[in-house]
Protein backbone atom coordinates (compact mmCIF):
# COMPACT_ATOMS: atom_id res chain seq x y z
CA MET A 1 15.76 85.98 11.62
CA ARG A 2 15.52 82.98 13.30
CA SER A 3 18.18 79.33 13.87
CA MET A 4 16.26 75.92 13.51
CA THR A 5 18.05 75.11 16.69
CA GLY A 6 17.06 75.97 20.26
CA TYR A 7 15.78 74.66 23.26
CA GLY A 8 12.46 76.03 26.05
CA ARG A 9 11.32 74.74 28.87
CA PHE A 10 8.62 75.45 30.76
CA SER A 11 6.67 73.84 33.86
CA LEU A 12 2.63 74.81 35.31
CA ALA A 13 1.15 73.47 38.97
CA GLU A 14 -2.45 73.79 39.35
CA LYS A 15 -5.03 72.04 41.71
CA ASP A 16 -2.65 68.79 42.53
CA ARG A 17 -1.53 68.77 39.10
CA GLU A 18 1.91 69.71 37.38
CA LEU A 19 2.84 69.67 34.18
CA SER A 20 6.10 70.73 32.01
CA ILE A 21 6.71 70.52 28.59
CA GLU A 22 10.09 70.16 26.80
CA LEU A 23 11.37 71.32 23.49
CA LYS A 24 14.56 70.05 21.76
CA SER A 25 14.89 71.65 18.02
CA VAL A 26 17.21 71.00 15.16
CA ASN A 27 17.48 71.67 11.72
CA HIS A 28 15.42 69.70 8.97
CA ARG A 29 13.91 70.86 5.68
CA TYR A 30 10.24 70.24 7.11
CA LEU A 31 8.78 70.81 10.25
CA ASP A 32 8.77 67.29 11.97
CA LEU A 33 7.45 67.01 15.02
CA ASN A 34 8.45 64.10 17.13
CA PHE A 35 5.88 63.51 20.57
CA ARG A 36 6.93 61.74 24.20
CA LEU A 37 3.69 62.29 25.82
CA PRO A 38 2.86 60.08 28.98
CA ARG A 39 -0.28 57.74 28.83
CA PRO A 40 -2.83 60.41 30.19
CA MET A 41 -1.65 63.34 27.80
CA GLN A 42 -2.35 60.74 24.26
CA PHE A 43 -5.34 62.43 24.14
CA ILE A 44 -3.56 66.09 22.87
CA GLU A 45 -1.21 65.49 20.74
CA LEU A 46 -2.76 66.34 17.51
CA THR A 47 -4.04 70.06 19.43
CA LEU A 48 -0.29 70.68 20.85
CA ARG A 49 0.45 70.45 16.81
CA LYS A 50 -1.98 72.08 16.18
CA LYS A 51 -0.44 74.78 17.77
CA ILE A 52 3.49 74.24 17.38
CA GLY A 53 2.43 74.41 13.73
CA MET A 54 1.24 78.14 13.60
CA THR A 55 4.82 78.82 15.58
CA LEU A 56 7.56 76.72 14.01
CA SER A 57 8.02 76.55 10.29
CA ARG A 58 10.60 74.13 10.05
CA GLY A 59 12.84 72.67 12.29
CA HIS A 60 13.04 68.49 13.68
CA VAL A 61 11.50 69.51 16.85
CA ASP A 62 11.66 66.87 20.12
CA ILE A 63 8.42 67.34 22.75
CA ILE A 64 9.06 66.31 25.40
CA LEU A 65 5.83 65.50 28.43
CA ASN A 66 6.39 65.21 31.62
CA TYR A 67 3.02 65.30 33.78
CA GLN A 68 2.54 63.59 37.39
CA ASN A 69 -1.43 63.97 39.52
CA CYS A 70 -0.35 64.59 42.81
CA GLY A 71 -4.48 64.85 44.03
CA SER A 72 -5.71 61.92 46.39
CA ASP A 73 -7.59 60.51 43.68
CA SER A 74 -4.89 59.63 41.05
CA ARG A 75 -5.12 56.73 41.59
CA LEU A 76 -7.97 54.32 42.56
CA ALA A 77 -7.80 50.77 44.00
CA ALA A 78 -10.23 48.11 43.77
CA ILE A 79 -10.59 44.70 45.21
CA ASP A 80 -11.01 41.39 42.73
CA VAL A 81 -13.93 39.93 44.48
CA PRO A 82 -13.93 36.65 42.21
CA LEU A 83 -10.14 36.14 42.92
CA ALA A 84 -9.91 36.75 46.42
CA VAL A 85 -12.79 34.00 47.02
CA SER A 86 -10.86 31.06 44.34
CA TYR A 87 -7.96 32.16 47.35
CA TYR A 88 -10.42 32.02 50.64
CA LYS A 89 -11.90 28.80 48.64
CA ALA A 90 -7.97 27.54 48.21
CA ALA A 91 -6.97 27.89 51.35
CA GLN A 92 -9.67 26.48 53.46
CA ASN A 93 -9.20 23.31 51.12
CA LEU A 94 -5.34 23.34 52.08
CA LYS A 95 -6.57 23.74 55.86
CA LYS A 96 -8.54 20.73 55.46
CA THR A 97 -6.29 18.64 53.60
CA THR A 98 -3.47 19.01 55.28
CA GLN A 99 -4.75 19.85 58.33
CA ILE A 100 -2.86 22.65 59.15
CA GLY A 101 -3.94 24.92 62.23
CA GLY A 102 -3.78 29.25 62.16
CA SER A 103 -6.67 31.63 60.84
CA PHE A 104 -6.89 33.93 57.48
CA GLU A 105 -7.30 37.13 57.93
CA ILE A 106 -8.54 39.45 55.28
CA THR A 107 -5.51 40.88 55.80
CA HIS A 108 -3.87 38.01 54.14
CA LEU A 109 -5.69 37.86 51.61
CA MET A 110 -5.23 41.26 50.14
CA ASN A 111 -1.49 40.51 50.17
CA LEU A 112 -2.03 38.43 47.49
CA PRO A 113 -0.95 38.59 44.05
CA GLU A 114 -3.36 40.64 41.50
CA VAL A 115 -6.01 40.48 44.77
CA ILE A 116 -5.78 44.36 45.46
CA VAL A 117 -6.13 45.98 41.40
CA LEU A 118 -4.27 49.67 41.17
CA SER A 119 -5.67 51.93 38.05
CA GLU A 120 -5.29 55.19 37.41
CA GLY A 121 -7.95 57.36 38.09
CA SER A 122 -9.89 59.69 35.53
CA GLU A 123 -8.34 62.73 34.47
CA ASP A 124 -10.54 65.90 33.62
CA GLU A 125 -9.45 66.64 29.78
CA GLU A 126 -10.85 70.58 29.09
CA VAL A 127 -9.02 71.41 32.55
CA LEU A 128 -5.42 69.02 31.13
CA THR A 129 -5.77 70.53 27.80
CA GLN A 130 -6.16 74.66 29.00
CA LEU A 131 -3.13 73.92 31.61
CA CYS A 132 -0.86 72.19 28.65
CA MET A 133 -1.97 75.24 26.44
CA ARG A 134 -0.73 77.32 29.06
CA THR A 135 2.68 75.19 29.55
CA LEU A 136 3.23 74.82 25.28
CA GLU A 137 3.37 78.80 25.39
CA GLY A 138 5.87 79.37 27.98
CA ALA A 139 7.57 76.44 26.44
CA LEU A 140 7.46 78.08 22.63
CA ALA A 141 8.40 81.40 23.99
CA ALA A 142 11.26 80.28 25.74
CA LEU A 143 12.48 78.02 22.77
CA LEU A 144 11.78 81.18 19.90
CA ASP A 145 14.07 82.98 22.35
CA SER A 146 16.86 80.48 22.22
CA ARG A 147 16.63 80.55 18.18
CA GLU A 148 16.19 83.99 17.64
CA GLN A 149 19.08 84.31 19.98
CA GLU A 150 21.76 82.27 18.11
CA GLY A 151 20.01 83.48 14.31
CA GLU A 152 20.95 86.68 15.41
CA ALA A 153 24.96 85.50 15.20
CA MET A 154 24.15 84.03 12.34
CA ARG A 155 23.28 87.07 10.50
CA CYS A 156 26.16 88.68 11.83
CA ASP A 157 28.23 86.03 10.38
CA LEU A 158 26.43 86.21 7.21
CA GLY A 159 26.52 89.29 7.07
CA ASN A 160 30.30 89.02 6.93
CA HIS A 161 30.21 87.00 4.40
CA MET A 162 28.18 88.78 2.24
CA GLN A 163 30.09 91.37 2.54
CA HIS A 164 33.17 89.81 1.44
CA LEU A 165 31.34 88.68 -1.79
CA GLU A 166 30.65 92.11 -2.49
CA ASP A 167 34.41 92.90 -2.15
CA LEU A 168 34.85 90.01 -3.80
CA HIS A 169 32.41 91.09 -6.24
CA GLY A 170 33.90 94.16 -7.16
CA GLN A 171 37.48 93.07 -7.76
CA LEU A 172 36.00 90.75 -10.41
CA SER A 173 34.53 93.70 -12.22
CA SER A 174 37.25 95.34 -12.14
CA VAL A 175 39.59 92.65 -13.81
CA ALA A 176 36.82 91.72 -16.35
CA LEU A 177 36.78 94.92 -17.55
CA LEU A 178 40.43 94.21 -18.51
CA GLN A 179 39.56 91.52 -20.27
CA PRO A 180 39.57 92.96 -23.49
CA GLN A 181 42.97 95.17 -23.37
CA THR A 182 45.02 91.57 -21.77
CA PHE A 183 43.68 90.02 -25.27
CA HIS A 184 44.47 92.54 -28.07
CA GLN A 185 47.88 92.45 -26.35
CA ARG A 186 48.40 88.81 -26.51
CA LEU A 187 46.95 88.26 -29.68
CA THR A 188 49.10 91.25 -30.87
CA GLN A 189 52.60 89.44 -29.59
CA ARG A 190 51.31 85.96 -30.97
CA LEU A 191 50.15 87.40 -34.32
CA GLU A 192 54.00 89.71 -34.62
CA GLN A 193 55.79 86.22 -33.78
CA LEU A 194 53.53 84.48 -36.36
CA VAL A 195 53.38 86.85 -39.14
CA PRO A 196 56.87 89.76 -39.05
CA GLU A 197 55.64 91.30 -42.49
CA GLY A 198 52.76 92.77 -39.83
CA ILE A 199 49.22 92.25 -39.34
CA ASP A 200 45.35 93.95 -40.45
CA GLU A 201 43.98 95.51 -37.51
CA GLY A 202 40.51 95.97 -38.53
CA ARG A 203 41.05 92.49 -38.36
CA LEU A 204 42.89 92.53 -35.05
CA GLU A 205 40.39 94.45 -33.83
CA LEU A 206 37.57 92.50 -34.88
CA GLU A 207 39.16 88.87 -33.77
CA VAL A 208 39.54 91.21 -30.28
CA ALA A 209 36.03 91.54 -29.60
CA LEU A 210 34.82 88.09 -31.11
CA LEU A 211 37.14 86.78 -28.15
CA ALA A 212 36.41 89.54 -25.65
CA ASP A 213 32.39 89.18 -26.34
CA LYS A 214 32.32 85.45 -26.06
CA VAL A 215 34.64 85.23 -22.97
CA ALA A 216 31.91 88.51 -21.40
CA VAL A 217 31.19 87.96 -17.66
CA ASP A 218 28.48 91.03 -17.55
CA GLU A 219 25.76 89.43 -17.64
CA GLU A 220 26.55 87.18 -15.20
CA LEU A 221 28.63 89.90 -11.99
CA ALA A 222 24.92 92.05 -13.28
CA ARG A 223 22.95 88.98 -12.34
CA LEU A 224 25.48 88.00 -9.03
CA ALA A 225 25.54 91.59 -7.76
CA ALA A 226 21.23 91.77 -8.23
CA HIS A 227 21.59 88.15 -5.74
CA ILE A 228 24.11 89.88 -3.32
CA ASP A 229 21.48 92.79 -3.08
CA GLN A 230 18.73 90.50 -2.51
CA MET A 231 20.40 88.27 0.12
CA ASN A 232 21.14 91.52 1.69
CA GLN A 233 17.66 92.54 2.31
CA LEU A 234 17.01 89.30 3.29
CA LEU A 235 19.19 89.20 6.68
CA ASP A 236 17.12 92.55 7.63
CA GLU A 237 14.05 90.75 7.94
CA ASN A 238 12.66 88.47 10.56
CA GLU A 239 10.28 85.76 8.89
CA ALA A 240 10.87 82.87 7.53
CA LEU A 241 13.74 82.92 5.91
CA GLY A 242 15.77 79.82 4.60
CA ARG A 243 14.29 78.61 2.34
CA LYS A 244 14.71 81.95 -0.26
CA MET A 245 18.48 82.28 1.02
CA ASP A 246 18.82 78.52 -0.02
CA PHE A 247 17.41 79.41 -3.23
CA LEU A 248 19.29 82.19 -3.16
CA SER A 249 22.91 80.94 -2.24
CA GLN A 250 21.97 78.16 -5.47
CA GLU A 251 22.04 80.78 -7.84
CA MET A 252 24.87 83.23 -7.15
CA ASN A 253 26.80 79.46 -7.60
CA ARG A 254 25.65 79.32 -10.88
CA GLU A 255 26.65 82.45 -11.93
CA VAL A 256 30.44 81.94 -10.44
CA ASN A 257 30.97 78.68 -11.71
CA THR A 258 29.19 80.48 -15.47
CA ILE A 259 31.97 82.83 -14.75
CA GLY A 260 35.42 80.54 -14.24
CA SER A 261 34.02 78.46 -16.93
CA LYS A 262 34.25 81.50 -19.42
CA SER A 263 37.38 82.88 -18.40
CA ASN A 264 41.13 81.92 -18.56
CA SER A 265 42.15 84.39 -16.47
CA LEU A 266 44.53 83.36 -13.58
CA PRO A 267 43.24 86.38 -11.70
CA ILE A 268 39.54 86.05 -12.28
CA THR A 269 40.24 82.40 -11.20
CA ARG A 270 41.80 82.93 -8.15
CA LEU A 271 39.27 85.59 -7.34
CA VAL A 272 36.02 83.10 -8.57
CA LEU A 273 38.00 80.22 -6.13
CA GLU A 274 38.04 82.13 -3.24
CA MET A 275 34.04 82.99 -4.26
CA LYS A 276 33.37 79.86 -4.00
CA ASN A 277 34.93 79.13 -0.82
CA THR A 278 33.12 82.01 0.78
CA LEU A 279 29.33 80.56 -0.95
CA GLU A 280 29.68 76.93 0.58
CA LYS A 281 29.90 78.98 4.19
CA VAL A 282 27.46 80.73 3.41
CA ARG A 283 25.34 77.77 2.42
CA GLU A 284 26.67 75.83 5.77
CA GLN A 285 24.73 78.65 8.16
CA ILE A 286 21.44 78.78 5.28
CA GLN A 287 20.80 74.98 6.42
CA ASN A 288 20.47 76.01 10.44
CA VAL A 289 17.90 79.06 9.02
CA GLU A 290 14.29 78.65 10.17
């Protein structure tokens, strides 16, 4: 089991190039990737997206990539010759017009705005891609380790909740078995008050049977037990389970609601409320399961 919340970071340095990838993930209904890439690395987003999609199935993931080229060719300088000539002519014209003395050196010219044009050096996309994919593999490994560690804690917590549900199911089954006897006693007492001269035992048994059938929860309890068993089996698996668990929790909640609506027994109502409270805790945890 893996959580959708995790963090992973990995860095590589090779041939005057330094690259780091940081992955931050939180829960999300689907796989939602948000990239923050420097300009030289914009070309690789699709490749990164495919690789991450092969590893993760759900979660909102922020991918932060930092890249630095420390080589001598990382930045290039060029001279805007037409602009420099224009500056020079303007200076000569100013000198002639104002009769101001002094020389006009080339160093002065190069310090003027926008005469020197800086640009990023060209990058070898194949080399960058290989470096980036190795870095991503390290970051993904760290992220998965983080998500699995939290997933184990979630597995333990969900296991405790499911054990509590099993205990409540056992208590509920025992109480439900006593309902026909309870109905018989209540109906007998009520009829004795209303019909002092006596009642037809056959008719009484028939009414009790009809009432017991109307409020019977045997089928709901059987389906609930099957759902609990299936959830426990999922807890032992390591694939992406979040959607399956979410569906099962909804089914369990539906059965518990049906049991509560069928019965007017106070002990059953109390057990149903406790089950609903436990199921709500289960669903909260499941929302973060991948």
